[in-house]
Amino acid sequence: MTLPVLDTASFDALLPLAVQQLGDEDYALRLQRETRLALRVLASPTETPEDADPMLTRLEAKLDLALEVSLQARHPARPPLTPCRLGLSTIAWLSDHPWPQDSRVLMTLAPNPDSALMLQLPARVETQQPTPDEGYAITARLLLNDDDTTGQLWEKWVFRRHRRAIQER
């Protein structure tokens, strides 16, 4: 089964993804802040100039290692790898159970299967379609409207991955 088509630029991936019901309480400020900071790292420029200072490159590698070690201690359990399609305002994924339409969910997503970096994204389930293997293809709209910075960083990262997916075809 293929993933649902999204109405914006998107890319397909097999990433660690967990979805849970989001209660009536607001999306925690701590989760918003952590996700925004993680997206700042993901959306930052990735090209290294040819004349880059080797000491700065080594320092960046050390910081990457320290971040990973810290995140592995914070997130020892990883969500299962899940086929998903990430778009500018929606996410689609394959699920083994249905999610009621209009359910508020919290999506825990690792943008890289080899990293412990996690994004916590609130969303609202829009559609679900049964799949031939008795699963469901779910589409949820991200609820990032209250925080323009997080939404802009998410869009920048998705666009970058979308362009990379086009180049790899």
N, C-alpha and C. Protein backbone atom coordinates (compact mmCIF):
# COMPACT_ATOMS: atom_id res chain seq x y z
N MET A 1 0.85 -1.19 0.00
CA MET A 1 0.00 0.00 0.00
C MET A 1 0.88 1.24 0.00
N THR A 2 0.53 2.15 -0.85
CA THR A 2 1.27 3.40 -0.87
C THR A 2 0.65 4.37 0.13
N LEU A 3 1.43 5.32 0.51
CA LEU A 3 0.97 6.33 1.46
C LEU A 3 0.05 7.32 0.76
N PRO A 4 -0.85 7.95 1.50
CA PRO A 4 -1.73 8.95 0.89
C PRO A 4 -0.94 10.11 0.29
N VAL A 5 -1.45 10.67 -0.78
CA VAL A 5 -0.84 11.83 -1.41
C VAL A 5 -1.11 13.04 -0.53
N LEU A 6 -0.09 13.85 -0.31
CA LEU A 6 -0.25 15.07 0.49
C LEU A 6 -0.40 16.26 -0.44
N ASP A 7 -1.00 17.33 0.06
CA ASP A 7 -1.31 18.50 -0.77
C ASP A 7 -0.18 19.53 -0.82
N THR A 8 1.02 19.15 -0.34
CA THR A 8 2.16 20.08 -0.35
C THR A 8 3.42 19.31 -0.74
N ALA A 9 4.53 20.02 -0.81
CA ALA A 9 5.81 19.35 -1.02
C ALA A 9 6.00 18.35 0.12
N SER A 10 6.56 17.19 -0.21
CA SER A 10 6.72 16.15 0.81
C SER A 10 7.85 15.21 0.40
N PHE A 11 8.20 14.31 1.30
CA PHE A 11 9.16 13.26 1.00
C PHE A 11 8.76 12.01 1.76
N ASP A 12 9.14 10.86 1.22
CA ASP A 12 8.85 9.58 1.84
C ASP A 12 10.07 9.10 2.61
N ALA A 13 9.82 8.42 3.73
CA ALA A 13 10.92 7.92 4.54
C ALA A 13 10.45 6.75 5.40
N LEU A 14 11.40 6.01 5.90
CA LEU A 14 11.17 4.96 6.89
C LEU A 14 11.87 5.45 8.15
N LEU A 15 11.10 6.03 9.07
CA LEU A 15 11.67 6.69 10.24
C LEU A 15 11.05 6.17 11.52
N PRO A 16 11.76 6.29 12.64
CA PRO A 16 11.15 5.97 13.92
C PRO A 16 9.99 6.94 14.19
N LEU A 17 8.80 6.37 14.37
CA LEU A 17 7.60 7.20 14.57
C LEU A 17 6.67 6.52 15.55
N ALA A 18 6.22 7.26 16.54
CA ALA A 18 5.21 6.79 17.49
C ALA A 18 4.12 7.83 17.55
N VAL A 19 2.88 7.37 17.67
CA VAL A 19 1.74 8.27 17.76
C VAL A 19 0.95 7.89 19.01
N GLN A 20 0.59 8.89 19.79
CA GLN A 20 -0.22 8.65 20.98
C GLN A 20 -1.28 9.73 21.08
N GLN A 21 -2.35 9.41 21.79
CA GLN A 21 -3.43 10.36 21.99
C GLN A 21 -2.90 11.56 22.76
N LEU A 22 -3.32 12.74 22.35
CA LEU A 22 -2.94 13.98 23.05
C LEU A 22 -4.14 14.38 23.88
N GLY A 23 -3.95 14.46 25.17
CA GLY A 23 -5.05 14.78 26.07
C GLY A 23 -5.53 16.21 25.93
N ASP A 24 -6.46 16.57 26.77
CA ASP A 24 -7.02 17.91 26.73
C ASP A 24 -6.01 18.98 27.14
N GLU A 25 -4.96 18.56 27.87
CA GLU A 25 -3.96 19.54 28.28
C GLU A 25 -3.25 20.09 27.05
N ASP A 26 -2.75 21.27 27.19
CA ASP A 26 -2.04 21.91 26.07
C ASP A 26 -0.74 21.17 25.80
N TYR A 27 -0.28 21.34 24.60
CA TYR A 27 1.03 20.81 24.19
C TYR A 27 2.07 21.45 25.10
N ALA A 28 2.79 20.65 25.84
CA ALA A 28 3.71 21.13 26.88
C ALA A 28 4.75 22.09 26.30
N LEU A 29 4.98 23.18 27.01
CA LEU A 29 5.96 24.18 26.57
C LEU A 29 7.36 23.57 26.45
N ARG A 30 7.69 22.62 27.33
CA ARG A 30 9.00 21.98 27.27
C ARG A 30 9.15 21.21 25.96
N LEU A 31 8.09 20.49 25.55
CA LEU A 31 8.15 19.74 24.29
C LEU A 31 8.26 20.70 23.10
N GLN A 32 7.52 21.80 23.15
CA GLN A 32 7.61 22.80 22.08
C GLN A 32 9.03 23.33 21.95
N ARG A 33 9.63 23.68 23.08
CA ARG A 33 10.97 24.25 23.08
C ARG A 33 11.99 23.24 22.56
N GLU A 34 11.92 21.99 23.04
CA GLU A 34 12.86 20.98 22.58
C GLU A 34 12.72 20.73 21.08
N THR A 35 11.49 20.67 20.60
CA THR A 35 11.26 20.45 19.17
C THR A 35 11.77 21.62 18.35
N ARG A 36 11.50 22.84 18.81
CA ARG A 36 11.98 24.03 18.09
C ARG A 36 13.51 24.04 18.02
N LEU A 37 14.19 23.70 19.13
CA LEU A 37 15.65 23.68 19.14
C LEU A 37 16.18 22.58 18.22
N ALA A 38 15.53 21.42 18.23
CA ALA A 38 15.95 20.33 17.34
C ALA A 38 15.77 20.74 15.88
N LEU A 39 14.66 21.40 15.57
CA LEU A 39 14.43 21.84 14.20
C LEU A 39 15.43 22.92 13.77
N ARG A 40 15.89 23.73 14.71
CA ARG A 40 16.94 24.71 14.36
C ARG A 40 18.19 24.00 13.89
N VAL A 41 18.53 22.88 14.54
CA VAL A 41 19.69 22.10 14.10
C VAL A 41 19.43 21.49 12.73
N LEU A 42 18.23 20.90 12.54
CA LEU A 42 17.91 20.25 11.27
C LEU A 42 17.81 21.23 10.11
N ALA A 43 17.30 22.43 10.37
CA ALA A 43 17.09 23.41 9.30
C ALA A 43 18.32 24.27 9.03
N SER A 44 19.36 24.13 9.85
CA SER A 44 20.55 24.95 9.63
C SER A 44 21.30 24.47 8.39
N PRO A 45 22.11 25.34 7.80
CA PRO A 45 22.86 24.96 6.59
C PRO A 45 23.72 23.71 6.86
N THR A 46 23.77 22.84 5.86
CA THR A 46 24.53 21.60 6.02
C THR A 46 25.78 21.54 5.16
N GLU A 47 25.92 22.45 4.24
CA GLU A 47 27.08 22.43 3.36
C GLU A 47 28.30 22.94 4.11
N THR A 48 29.40 22.20 3.97
CA THR A 48 30.66 22.62 4.57
C THR A 48 31.54 23.15 3.46
N PRO A 49 32.01 24.39 3.58
CA PRO A 49 32.88 24.92 2.53
C PRO A 49 34.18 24.12 2.45
N GLU A 50 34.74 24.09 1.24
CA GLU A 50 35.99 23.34 1.03
C GLU A 50 37.14 23.88 1.88
N ASP A 51 37.11 25.16 2.18
CA ASP A 51 38.19 25.76 2.96
C ASP A 51 37.84 25.85 4.44
N ALA A 52 36.96 24.95 4.90
CA ALA A 52 36.55 24.96 6.31
C ALA A 52 37.74 24.64 7.21
N ASP A 53 37.77 25.32 8.33
CA ASP A 53 38.83 25.11 9.31
C ASP A 53 38.68 23.70 9.90
N PRO A 54 39.71 22.86 9.80
CA PRO A 54 39.62 21.49 10.33
C PRO A 54 39.31 21.46 11.83
N MET A 55 39.79 22.46 12.56
CA MET A 55 39.51 22.50 14.00
C MET A 55 38.01 22.73 14.26
N LEU A 56 37.39 23.58 13.45
CA LEU A 56 35.96 23.81 13.61
C LEU A 56 35.16 22.56 13.22
N THR A 57 35.61 21.87 12.20
CA THR A 57 34.95 20.64 11.79
C THR A 57 35.05 19.59 12.89
N ARG A 58 36.21 19.49 13.49
CA ARG A 58 36.41 18.54 14.59
C ARG A 58 35.57 18.93 15.80
N LEU A 59 35.49 20.21 16.11
CA LEU A 59 34.66 20.68 17.22
C LEU A 59 33.19 20.35 16.98
N GLU A 60 32.73 20.55 15.75
CA GLU A 60 31.34 20.23 15.42
C GLU A 60 31.08 18.74 15.59
N ALA A 61 32.03 17.91 15.18
CA ALA A 61 31.87 16.46 15.34
C ALA A 61 31.80 16.08 16.82
N LYS A 62 32.60 16.73 17.66
CA LYS A 62 32.56 16.46 19.09
C LYS A 62 31.21 16.88 19.68
N LEU A 63 30.71 18.02 19.25
CA LEU A 63 29.39 18.47 19.73
C LEU A 63 28.28 17.51 19.28
N ASP A 64 28.39 17.02 18.04
CA ASP A 64 27.41 16.04 17.55
C ASP A 64 27.44 14.78 18.42
N LEU A 65 28.63 14.31 18.75
CA LEU A 65 28.76 13.13 19.59
C LEU A 65 28.17 13.37 20.99
N ALA A 66 28.49 14.50 21.58
CA ALA A 66 27.96 14.82 22.91
C ALA A 66 26.44 14.91 22.89
N LEU A 67 25.89 15.51 21.84
CA LEU A 67 24.44 15.61 21.71
C LEU A 67 23.82 14.22 21.60
N GLU A 68 24.39 13.35 20.78
CA GLU A 68 23.84 12.00 20.61
C GLU A 68 23.89 11.21 21.91
N VAL A 69 25.01 11.27 22.63
CA VAL A 69 25.13 10.55 23.90
C VAL A 69 24.08 11.06 24.88
N SER A 70 23.91 12.35 24.95
CA SER A 70 22.92 12.95 25.84
C SER A 70 21.50 12.53 25.45
N LEU A 71 21.21 12.57 24.16
CA LEU A 71 19.87 12.21 23.69
C LEU A 71 19.58 10.73 23.88
N GLN A 72 20.58 9.87 23.72
CA GLN A 72 20.36 8.45 23.94
C GLN A 72 20.01 8.17 25.39
N ALA A 73 20.59 8.92 26.31
CA ALA A 73 20.24 8.76 27.72
C ALA A 73 18.82 9.28 27.98
N ARG A 74 18.45 10.33 27.29
CA ARG A 74 17.11 10.92 27.48
C ARG A 74 16.01 10.10 26.80
N HIS A 75 16.32 9.51 25.66
CA HIS A 75 15.35 8.72 24.89
C HIS A 75 15.89 7.31 24.67
N PRO A 76 15.96 6.48 25.72
CA PRO A 76 16.53 5.14 25.53
C PRO A 76 15.67 4.24 24.64
N ALA A 77 14.36 4.40 24.70
CA ALA A 77 13.47 3.62 23.84
C ALA A 77 13.21 4.39 22.56
N ARG A 78 13.28 3.68 21.45
CA ARG A 78 13.05 4.33 20.16
C ARG A 78 11.76 3.80 19.57
N PRO A 79 11.00 4.67 18.92
CA PRO A 79 9.80 4.19 18.24
C PRO A 79 10.17 3.26 17.09
N PRO A 80 9.23 2.42 16.67
CA PRO A 80 9.52 1.50 15.55
C PRO A 80 9.65 2.27 14.24
N LEU A 81 10.43 1.70 13.33
CA LEU A 81 10.55 2.28 11.99
C LEU A 81 9.19 2.16 11.30
N THR A 82 8.72 3.26 10.76
CA THR A 82 7.38 3.32 10.18
C THR A 82 7.45 4.01 8.82
N PRO A 83 6.83 3.42 7.79
CA PRO A 83 6.75 4.14 6.50
C PRO A 83 5.91 5.40 6.69
N CYS A 84 6.46 6.53 6.27
CA CYS A 84 5.72 7.78 6.43
C CYS A 84 6.02 8.73 5.28
N ARG A 85 5.15 9.69 5.11
CA ARG A 85 5.31 10.76 4.13
C ARG A 85 5.17 12.07 4.92
N LEU A 86 6.22 12.88 4.90
CA LEU A 86 6.24 14.12 5.67
C LEU A 86 6.06 15.30 4.73
N GLY A 87 5.06 16.12 5.00
CA GLY A 87 4.78 17.29 4.19
C GLY A 87 4.91 18.57 5.00
N LEU A 88 4.67 19.68 4.35
CA LEU A 88 4.81 20.98 5.01
C LEU A 88 3.81 21.17 6.14
N SER A 89 2.61 20.63 5.98
CA SER A 89 1.59 20.83 7.00
C SER A 89 0.92 19.53 7.43
N THR A 90 1.26 18.41 6.80
CA THR A 90 0.64 17.13 7.14
C THR A 90 1.68 16.02 7.16
N ILE A 91 1.31 14.96 7.85
CA ILE A 91 2.12 13.75 7.90
C ILE A 91 1.19 12.58 7.63
N ALA A 92 1.63 11.65 6.80
CA ALA A 92 0.89 10.42 6.56
C ALA A 92 1.77 9.25 6.99
N TRP A 93 1.14 8.22 7.54
CA TRP A 93 1.88 7.04 7.97
C TRP A 93 1.00 5.81 7.90
N LEU A 94 1.65 4.65 7.92
CA LEU A 94 0.93 3.39 7.93
C LEU A 94 0.83 2.92 9.37
N SER A 95 -0.38 2.52 9.77
CA SER A 95 -0.66 2.12 11.14
C SER A 95 -1.34 0.76 11.15
N ASP A 96 -1.14 0.02 12.21
CA ASP A 96 -1.83 -1.26 12.32
C ASP A 96 -3.21 -1.13 12.97
N HIS A 97 -3.57 0.07 13.39
CA HIS A 97 -4.90 0.30 13.97
C HIS A 97 -5.41 1.67 13.54
N PRO A 98 -6.73 1.85 13.55
CA PRO A 98 -7.30 3.13 13.12
C PRO A 98 -7.14 4.21 14.19
N TRP A 99 -7.20 5.44 13.73
CA TRP A 99 -7.25 6.60 14.62
C TRP A 99 -8.51 7.37 14.26
N PRO A 100 -9.37 7.65 15.23
CA PRO A 100 -10.61 8.37 14.92
C PRO A 100 -10.33 9.74 14.29
N GLN A 101 -11.14 10.08 13.30
CA GLN A 101 -11.00 11.38 12.66
C GLN A 101 -11.15 12.48 13.70
N ASP A 102 -10.36 13.53 13.57
CA ASP A 102 -10.31 14.69 14.46
C ASP A 102 -9.65 14.40 15.81
N SER A 103 -9.07 13.21 15.99
CA SER A 103 -8.32 12.93 17.22
C SER A 103 -7.10 13.83 17.27
N ARG A 104 -6.83 14.38 18.44
CA ARG A 104 -5.58 15.11 18.65
C ARG A 104 -4.54 14.10 19.08
N VAL A 105 -3.39 14.11 18.37
CA VAL A 105 -2.33 13.15 18.65
C VAL A 105 -1.00 13.86 18.84
N LEU A 106 -0.10 13.20 19.53
CA LEU A 106 1.27 13.67 19.66
C LEU A 106 2.14 12.69 18.91
N MET A 107 2.83 13.21 17.91
CA MET A 107 3.69 12.37 17.08
C MET A 107 5.13 12.55 17.54
N THR A 108 5.75 11.44 17.89
CA THR A 108 7.16 11.43 18.27
C THR A 108 7.92 10.88 17.07
N LEU A 109 8.75 11.71 16.48
CA LEU A 109 9.41 11.39 15.22
C LEU A 109 10.90 11.61 15.33
N ALA A 110 11.67 10.62 14.92
CA ALA A 110 13.12 10.80 14.81
C ALA A 110 13.41 11.10 13.34
N PRO A 111 13.91 12.30 13.02
CA PRO A 111 14.14 12.67 11.63
C PRO A 111 15.26 11.90 10.95
N ASN A 112 15.99 11.12 11.71
CA ASN A 112 17.07 10.29 11.17
C ASN A 112 17.03 8.96 11.91
N PRO A 113 16.94 7.83 11.21
CA PRO A 113 16.85 6.54 11.91
C PRO A 113 18.08 6.20 12.75
N ASP A 114 19.20 6.85 12.49
CA ASP A 114 20.44 6.56 13.23
C ASP A 114 20.68 7.53 14.38
N SER A 115 19.74 8.41 14.65
CA SER A 115 19.94 9.43 15.67
C SER A 115 18.87 9.33 16.76
N ALA A 116 19.22 9.75 17.95
CA ALA A 116 18.27 9.79 19.06
C ALA A 116 17.54 11.13 19.14
N LEU A 117 17.79 12.01 18.19
CA LEU A 117 17.11 13.30 18.16
C LEU A 117 15.63 13.06 17.88
N MET A 118 14.75 13.57 18.72
CA MET A 118 13.31 13.35 18.58
C MET A 118 12.57 14.68 18.45
N LEU A 119 11.57 14.67 17.60
CA LEU A 119 10.65 15.80 17.48
C LEU A 119 9.32 15.37 18.07
N GLN A 120 8.70 16.26 18.81
CA GLN A 120 7.37 16.02 19.38
C GLN A 120 6.42 16.98 18.69
N LEU A 121 5.54 16.45 17.85
CA LEU A 121 4.69 17.28 17.01
C LEU A 121 3.21 17.00 17.28
N PRO A 122 2.46 18.01 17.70
CA PRO A 122 1.02 17.82 17.87
C PRO A 122 0.34 17.85 16.51
N ALA A 123 -0.70 17.05 16.36
CA ALA A 123 -1.41 16.98 15.09
C ALA A 123 -2.87 16.57 15.33
N ARG A 124 -3.67 16.71 14.28
CA ARG A 124 -5.07 16.30 14.32
C ARG A 124 -5.30 15.34 13.15
N VAL A 125 -5.83 14.16 13.44
CA VAL A 125 -6.07 13.16 12.40
C VAL A 125 -7.15 13.68 11.46
N GLU A 126 -6.84 13.66 10.16
CA GLU A 126 -7.79 14.12 9.15
C GLU A 126 -8.48 12.97 8.43
N THR A 127 -7.69 11.98 8.01
CA THR A 127 -8.28 10.87 7.25
C THR A 127 -7.62 9.56 7.64
N GLN A 128 -8.35 8.49 7.38
CA GLN A 128 -7.78 7.15 7.50
C GLN A 128 -8.41 6.29 6.42
N GLN A 129 -7.57 5.47 5.82
CA GLN A 129 -8.02 4.59 4.75
C GLN A 129 -7.54 3.18 5.07
N PRO A 130 -8.42 2.18 4.97
CA PRO A 130 -7.96 0.80 5.18
C PRO A 130 -6.97 0.42 4.08
N THR A 131 -6.01 -0.42 4.44
CA THR A 131 -5.05 -0.92 3.46
C THR A 131 -5.32 -2.40 3.22
N PRO A 132 -4.85 -2.94 2.11
CA PRO A 132 -5.10 -4.36 1.81
C PRO A 132 -4.57 -5.33 2.87
N ASP A 133 -3.54 -4.92 3.62
CA ASP A 133 -2.96 -5.80 4.64
C ASP A 133 -3.61 -5.64 6.01
N GLU A 134 -4.85 -5.15 6.03
CA GLU A 134 -5.64 -4.94 7.25
C GLU A 134 -5.05 -3.87 8.16
N GLY A 135 -4.28 -2.98 7.60
CA GLY A 135 -3.77 -1.83 8.33
C GLY A 135 -4.51 -0.58 7.90
N TYR A 136 -3.94 0.57 8.20
CA TYR A 136 -4.58 1.85 7.88
C TYR A 136 -3.53 2.84 7.43
N ALA A 137 -3.89 3.63 6.44
CA ALA A 137 -3.08 4.76 6.01
C ALA A 137 -3.71 6.00 6.63
N ILE A 138 -2.98 6.65 7.51
CA ILE A 138 -3.50 7.77 8.29
C ILE A 138 -2.85 9.07 7.81
N THR A 139 -3.64 10.13 7.77
CA THR A 139 -3.11 11.46 7.47
C THR A 139 -3.50 12.39 8.62
N ALA A 140 -2.54 13.14 9.12
CA ALA A 140 -2.80 14.09 10.21
C ALA A 140 -2.21 15.45 9.86
N ARG A 141 -2.93 16.50 10.22
CA ARG A 141 -2.48 17.87 10.00
C ARG A 141 -1.72 18.34 11.23
N LEU A 142 -0.52 18.87 11.02
CA LEU A 142 0.28 19.38 12.13
C LEU A 142 -0.38 20.60 12.75
N LEU A 143 -0.27 20.72 14.05
CA LEU A 143 -0.84 21.86 14.78
C LEU A 143 0.29 22.75 15.28
N LEU A 144 0.97 23.39 14.35
CA LEU A 144 2.10 24.25 14.69
C LEU A 144 1.75 25.73 14.54
N ASN A 145 0.49 26.05 14.35
CA ASN A 145 0.06 27.43 14.07
C ASN A 145 0.38 28.40 15.19
N ASP A 146 0.36 27.93 16.44
CA ASP A 146 0.60 28.84 17.57
C ASP A 146 2.04 29.29 17.65
N ASP A 147 2.92 28.61 16.95
CA ASP A 147 4.35 28.90 17.05
C ASP A 147 4.93 29.03 15.65
N ASP A 148 4.97 30.24 15.13
CA ASP A 148 5.44 30.47 13.77
C ASP A 148 6.87 29.98 13.55
N THR A 149 7.74 30.15 14.54
CA THR A 149 9.14 29.76 14.38
C THR A 149 9.26 28.26 14.14
N THR A 150 8.57 27.45 14.93
CA THR A 150 8.63 26.00 14.75
C THR A 150 8.10 25.61 13.38
N GLY A 151 7.00 26.22 12.96
CA GLY A 151 6.43 25.92 11.64
C GLY A 151 7.38 26.28 10.52
N GLN A 152 8.03 27.42 10.62
CA GLN A 152 8.98 27.84 9.58
C GLN A 152 10.18 26.91 9.51
N LEU A 153 10.68 26.50 10.68
CA LEU A 153 11.82 25.58 10.71
C LEU A 153 11.43 24.21 10.16
N TRP A 154 10.22 23.75 10.51
CA TRP A 154 9.72 22.48 9.96
C TRP A 154 9.65 22.56 8.44
N GLU A 155 9.07 23.63 7.92
CA GLU A 155 8.95 23.79 6.46
C GLU A 155 10.31 23.82 5.78
N LYS A 156 11.26 24.51 6.37
CA LYS A 156 12.60 24.59 5.79
C LYS A 156 13.22 23.20 5.71
N TRP A 157 13.09 22.42 6.79
CA TRP A 157 13.66 21.07 6.80
C TRP A 157 12.95 20.17 5.79
N VAL A 158 11.61 20.23 5.73
CA VAL A 158 10.86 19.39 4.78
C VAL A 158 11.23 19.76 3.35
N PHE A 159 11.32 21.06 3.04
CA PHE A 159 11.72 21.48 1.69
C PHE A 159 13.10 20.92 1.33
N ARG A 160 14.04 21.00 2.27
CA ARG A 160 15.39 20.49 2.01
C ARG A 160 15.33 18.99 1.70
N ARG A 161 14.60 18.23 2.51
CA ARG A 161 14.49 16.78 2.28
C ARG A 161 13.73 16.49 0.99
N HIS A 162 12.72 17.30 0.67
CA HIS A 162 11.96 17.14 -0.57
C HIS A 162 12.89 17.33 -1.78
N ARG A 163 13.70 18.38 -1.76
CA ARG A 163 14.65 18.62 -2.85
C ARG A 163 15.66 17.48 -2.97
N ARG A 164 16.13 16.99 -1.83
CA ARG A 164 17.09 15.87 -1.86
C ARG A 164 16.43 14.63 -2.48
N ALA A 165 15.17 14.37 -2.14
CA ALA A 165 14.47 13.20 -2.69
C ALA A 165 14.33 13.33 -4.21
N ILE A 166 14.06 14.55 -4.70
CA ILE A 166 13.96 14.76 -6.14
C ILE A 166 15.31 14.52 -6.81
N GLN A 167 16.38 15.00 -6.21
CA GLN A 167 17.73 14.81 -6.79
C GLN A 167 18.12 13.34 -6.82
N GLU A 168 17.65 12.56 -5.86
CA GLU A 168 18.03 11.14 -5.78
C GLU A 168 17.25 10.27 -6.75
N ARG A 169 16.21 10.81 -7.36
CA ARG A 169 15.41 10.02 -8.32
C ARG A 169 16.12 9.78 -9.60
